[in-house]
């Protein structure tokens, strides 16, 4: 058994379906998939390249660059 799933299998015995969602004892390291906004923008840029829209792809890449260069850490939330 991989050690990664040891906690999940141990916690699985104490979880119940009565919570109908995420209970405090149901959140494990296996339960979350995180996708960065920058990854989504870069995927969109790849799609634009495939369909032949180089300018739109460049715009997406520049959005990532601008967010990375933002010293305030707020990105596009302003």
N, C-alpha and C. Protein backbone atom coordinates (compact mmCIF):
# COMPACT_ATOMS: atom_id res chain seq x y z
N UNK A 1 0.84 -1.16 0.00
CA UNK A 1 0.00 0.00 0.00
C UNK A 1 0.89 1.24 0.00
N UNK A 2 0.65 2.19 -0.92
CA UNK A 2 1.44 3.41 -0.91
C UNK A 2 1.19 4.22 0.35
N UNK A 3 2.22 4.84 0.87
CA UNK A 3 2.10 5.60 2.11
C UNK A 3 1.21 6.81 1.92
N UNK A 4 1.08 7.30 0.68
CA UNK A 4 0.26 8.47 0.40
C UNK A 4 -1.20 8.23 0.78
N UNK A 5 -1.67 7.02 0.64
CA UNK A 5 -3.08 6.74 0.90
C UNK A 5 -3.32 6.17 2.29
N UNK A 6 -2.29 6.02 3.10
CA UNK A 6 -2.46 5.42 4.42
C UNK A 6 -3.38 6.26 5.30
N UNK A 7 -3.19 7.57 5.32
CA UNK A 7 -4.05 8.41 6.14
C UNK A 7 -5.49 8.37 5.64
N UNK A 8 -5.66 8.43 4.33
CA UNK A 8 -7.01 8.42 3.76
C UNK A 8 -7.74 7.13 4.13
N UNK A 9 -7.08 6.01 4.02
CA UNK A 9 -7.74 4.75 4.34
C UNK A 9 -8.05 4.64 5.83
N UNK A 10 -7.18 5.21 6.68
CA UNK A 10 -7.46 5.19 8.11
C UNK A 10 -8.62 6.12 8.46
N UNK A 11 -8.68 7.27 7.81
CA UNK A 11 -9.75 8.23 8.08
C UNK A 11 -11.07 7.79 7.47
N UNK A 12 -11.01 6.99 6.42
CA UNK A 12 -12.22 6.54 5.74
C UNK A 12 -13.13 5.76 6.69
N UNK A 13 -12.56 5.08 7.65
CA UNK A 13 -13.36 4.29 8.58
C UNK A 13 -14.18 5.19 9.51
N UNK A 14 -13.76 6.44 9.69
CA UNK A 14 -14.48 7.32 10.61
C UNK A 14 -15.39 8.31 9.90
N UNK A 15 -15.39 8.33 8.57
CA UNK A 15 -16.25 9.27 7.85
C UNK A 15 -17.65 8.70 7.70
N UNK A 16 -18.57 9.57 7.46
CA UNK A 16 -19.95 9.14 7.29
C UNK A 16 -20.59 9.93 6.16
N UNK A 17 -21.52 9.33 5.48
CA UNK A 17 -22.21 10.01 4.39
C UNK A 17 -23.28 10.97 4.92
N UNK A 18 -23.54 10.96 6.22
CA UNK A 18 -24.55 11.84 6.79
C UNK A 18 -24.18 13.32 6.66
N UNK A 19 -22.87 13.62 6.46
CA UNK A 19 -22.46 15.02 6.35
C UNK A 19 -22.88 15.64 5.03
N UNK A 20 -23.13 14.84 4.01
CA UNK A 20 -23.50 15.30 2.67
C UNK A 20 -22.53 16.34 2.13
N UNK A 21 -21.28 16.09 2.21
CA UNK A 21 -20.28 17.01 1.72
C UNK A 21 -18.97 16.84 2.45
N UNK A 22 -18.25 17.92 2.60
CA UNK A 22 -16.94 17.87 3.23
C UNK A 22 -17.09 18.06 4.73
N UNK A 23 -16.91 17.03 5.46
CA UNK A 23 -16.89 17.11 6.91
C UNK A 23 -15.45 17.37 7.36
N UNK A 24 -15.29 17.75 8.59
CA UNK A 24 -13.95 18.07 9.10
C UNK A 24 -13.01 16.88 8.99
N UNK A 25 -13.51 15.68 9.13
CA UNK A 25 -12.64 14.51 9.07
C UNK A 25 -12.56 13.91 7.68
N UNK A 26 -13.09 14.57 6.68
CA UNK A 26 -13.03 14.03 5.32
C UNK A 26 -12.01 14.73 4.44
N UNK A 27 -11.43 15.82 4.88
CA UNK A 27 -10.46 16.51 4.05
C UNK A 27 -9.08 15.90 4.27
N UNK A 28 -8.56 15.27 3.24
CA UNK A 28 -7.24 14.66 3.32
C UNK A 28 -6.37 15.22 2.22
N UNK A 29 -5.15 14.79 2.15
CA UNK A 29 -4.24 15.26 1.11
C UNK A 29 -4.66 14.76 -0.26
N UNK A 30 -5.52 13.80 -0.34
CA UNK A 30 -5.96 13.27 -1.62
C UNK A 30 -7.20 13.97 -2.15
N UNK A 31 -7.81 14.85 -1.37
CA UNK A 31 -9.10 15.39 -1.74
C UNK A 31 -9.10 16.69 -2.52
N UNK A 32 -7.94 17.27 -2.82
CA UNK A 32 -7.92 18.58 -3.44
C UNK A 32 -7.04 18.59 -4.68
N UNK A 33 -7.57 19.16 -5.74
CA UNK A 33 -6.79 19.40 -6.95
C UNK A 33 -6.65 20.90 -7.10
N UNK A 34 -5.45 21.40 -7.10
CA UNK A 34 -5.21 22.83 -7.23
C UNK A 34 -4.69 23.13 -8.62
N UNK A 35 -5.33 24.09 -9.27
CA UNK A 35 -4.89 24.55 -10.58
C UNK A 35 -4.64 26.05 -10.46
N UNK A 36 -3.43 26.46 -10.77
CA UNK A 36 -3.10 27.88 -10.70
C UNK A 36 -3.75 28.63 -11.86
N UNK A 37 -4.12 29.88 -11.61
CA UNK A 37 -4.69 30.73 -12.66
C UNK A 37 -3.70 30.88 -13.81
N UNK A 38 -2.42 30.98 -13.50
CA UNK A 38 -1.40 31.10 -14.54
C UNK A 38 -1.40 29.88 -15.46
N UNK A 39 -1.63 28.69 -14.90
CA UNK A 39 -1.69 27.48 -15.73
C UNK A 39 -2.86 27.55 -16.70
N UNK A 40 -3.99 28.06 -16.23
CA UNK A 40 -5.16 28.17 -17.11
C UNK A 40 -4.88 29.15 -18.24
N UNK A 41 -4.24 30.28 -17.91
CA UNK A 41 -3.90 31.24 -18.95
C UNK A 41 -2.93 30.66 -19.97
N UNK A 42 -1.97 29.88 -19.50
CA UNK A 42 -1.01 29.27 -20.43
C UNK A 42 -1.66 28.19 -21.28
N UNK A 43 -2.62 27.46 -20.71
CA UNK A 43 -3.35 26.48 -21.52
C UNK A 43 -4.15 27.19 -22.60
N UNK A 44 -4.76 28.32 -22.24
CA UNK A 44 -5.52 29.10 -23.22
C UNK A 44 -4.59 29.61 -24.32
N UNK A 45 -3.38 30.00 -23.94
CA UNK A 45 -2.40 30.45 -24.95
C UNK A 45 -2.04 29.31 -25.90
N UNK A 46 -1.88 28.12 -25.37
CA UNK A 46 -1.58 26.96 -26.23
C UNK A 46 -2.71 26.70 -27.21
N UNK A 47 -3.94 26.83 -26.75
CA UNK A 47 -5.10 26.61 -27.62
C UNK A 47 -5.12 27.66 -28.73
N UNK A 48 -4.85 28.90 -28.38
CA UNK A 48 -4.85 29.97 -29.38
C UNK A 48 -3.77 29.75 -30.43
N UNK A 49 -2.62 29.24 -30.01
CA UNK A 49 -1.56 28.92 -30.98
C UNK A 49 -2.04 27.83 -31.94
N UNK A 50 -2.72 26.82 -31.39
CA UNK A 50 -3.20 25.71 -32.23
C UNK A 50 -4.22 26.17 -33.26
N UNK A 51 -5.05 27.15 -32.90
CA UNK A 51 -6.06 27.63 -33.85
C UNK A 51 -5.55 28.76 -34.72
N UNK A 52 -4.31 29.20 -34.49
CA UNK A 52 -3.68 30.18 -35.35
C UNK A 52 -3.81 31.63 -34.92
N UNK A 53 -4.20 31.88 -33.70
CA UNK A 53 -4.36 33.25 -33.20
C UNK A 53 -3.15 33.60 -32.33
N UNK A 54 -2.06 33.96 -32.97
CA UNK A 54 -0.82 34.24 -32.23
C UNK A 54 -0.94 35.48 -31.35
N UNK A 55 -1.69 36.50 -31.80
CA UNK A 55 -1.82 37.72 -31.00
C UNK A 55 -2.56 37.43 -29.70
N UNK A 56 -3.63 36.67 -29.76
CA UNK A 56 -4.38 36.34 -28.54
C UNK A 56 -3.51 35.49 -27.60
N UNK A 57 -2.73 34.56 -28.16
CA UNK A 57 -1.82 33.75 -27.35
C UNK A 57 -0.79 34.63 -26.65
N UNK A 58 -0.27 35.60 -27.36
CA UNK A 58 0.70 36.52 -26.77
C UNK A 58 0.05 37.34 -25.65
N UNK A 59 -1.20 37.72 -25.85
CA UNK A 59 -1.92 38.46 -24.80
C UNK A 59 -2.02 37.63 -23.52
N UNK A 60 -2.35 36.35 -23.66
CA UNK A 60 -2.43 35.47 -22.48
C UNK A 60 -1.09 35.33 -21.78
N UNK A 61 -0.03 35.15 -22.54
CA UNK A 61 1.31 35.02 -21.96
C UNK A 61 1.70 36.32 -21.25
N UNK A 62 1.35 37.44 -21.84
CA UNK A 62 1.66 38.73 -21.21
C UNK A 62 0.86 38.93 -19.93
N UNK A 63 -0.35 38.39 -19.87
CA UNK A 63 -1.13 38.45 -18.63
C UNK A 63 -0.39 37.72 -17.51
N UNK A 64 0.18 36.56 -17.83
CA UNK A 64 0.95 35.81 -16.83
C UNK A 64 2.18 36.60 -16.42
N UNK A 65 2.86 37.16 -17.39
CA UNK A 65 4.06 37.96 -17.08
C UNK A 65 3.73 39.16 -16.20
N UNK A 66 2.64 39.84 -16.51
CA UNK A 66 2.26 41.02 -15.74
C UNK A 66 1.88 40.65 -14.30
N UNK A 67 1.19 39.53 -14.14
CA UNK A 67 0.83 39.09 -12.79
C UNK A 67 2.08 38.72 -12.00
N UNK A 68 3.06 38.10 -12.67
CA UNK A 68 4.30 37.71 -11.98
C UNK A 68 5.14 38.93 -11.60
N UNK A 69 5.05 39.99 -12.40
CA UNK A 69 5.86 41.19 -12.14
C UNK A 69 5.19 42.13 -11.15
N UNK A 70 3.95 41.87 -10.77
CA UNK A 70 3.22 42.75 -9.86
C UNK A 70 3.83 42.68 -8.46
N UNK A 71 4.36 43.81 -7.99
CA UNK A 71 5.01 43.85 -6.68
C UNK A 71 4.05 43.85 -5.51
N UNK A 72 2.78 44.22 -5.75
CA UNK A 72 1.82 44.28 -4.66
C UNK A 72 1.31 42.89 -4.29
N UNK A 73 1.42 41.92 -5.20
CA UNK A 73 0.93 40.59 -4.93
C UNK A 73 -0.56 40.44 -5.16
N UNK A 74 -1.21 41.48 -5.67
CA UNK A 74 -2.65 41.43 -5.89
C UNK A 74 -3.02 40.91 -7.27
N UNK A 75 -2.07 40.87 -8.18
CA UNK A 75 -2.36 40.37 -9.52
C UNK A 75 -3.43 41.18 -10.20
N UNK A 76 -4.45 40.53 -10.71
CA UNK A 76 -5.51 41.22 -11.44
C UNK A 76 -6.72 41.47 -10.56
N UNK A 77 -6.54 41.45 -9.25
CA UNK A 77 -7.68 41.64 -8.36
C UNK A 77 -8.05 43.11 -8.19
N UNK A 78 -7.23 44.01 -8.70
CA UNK A 78 -7.53 45.44 -8.56
C UNK A 78 -8.57 45.87 -9.56
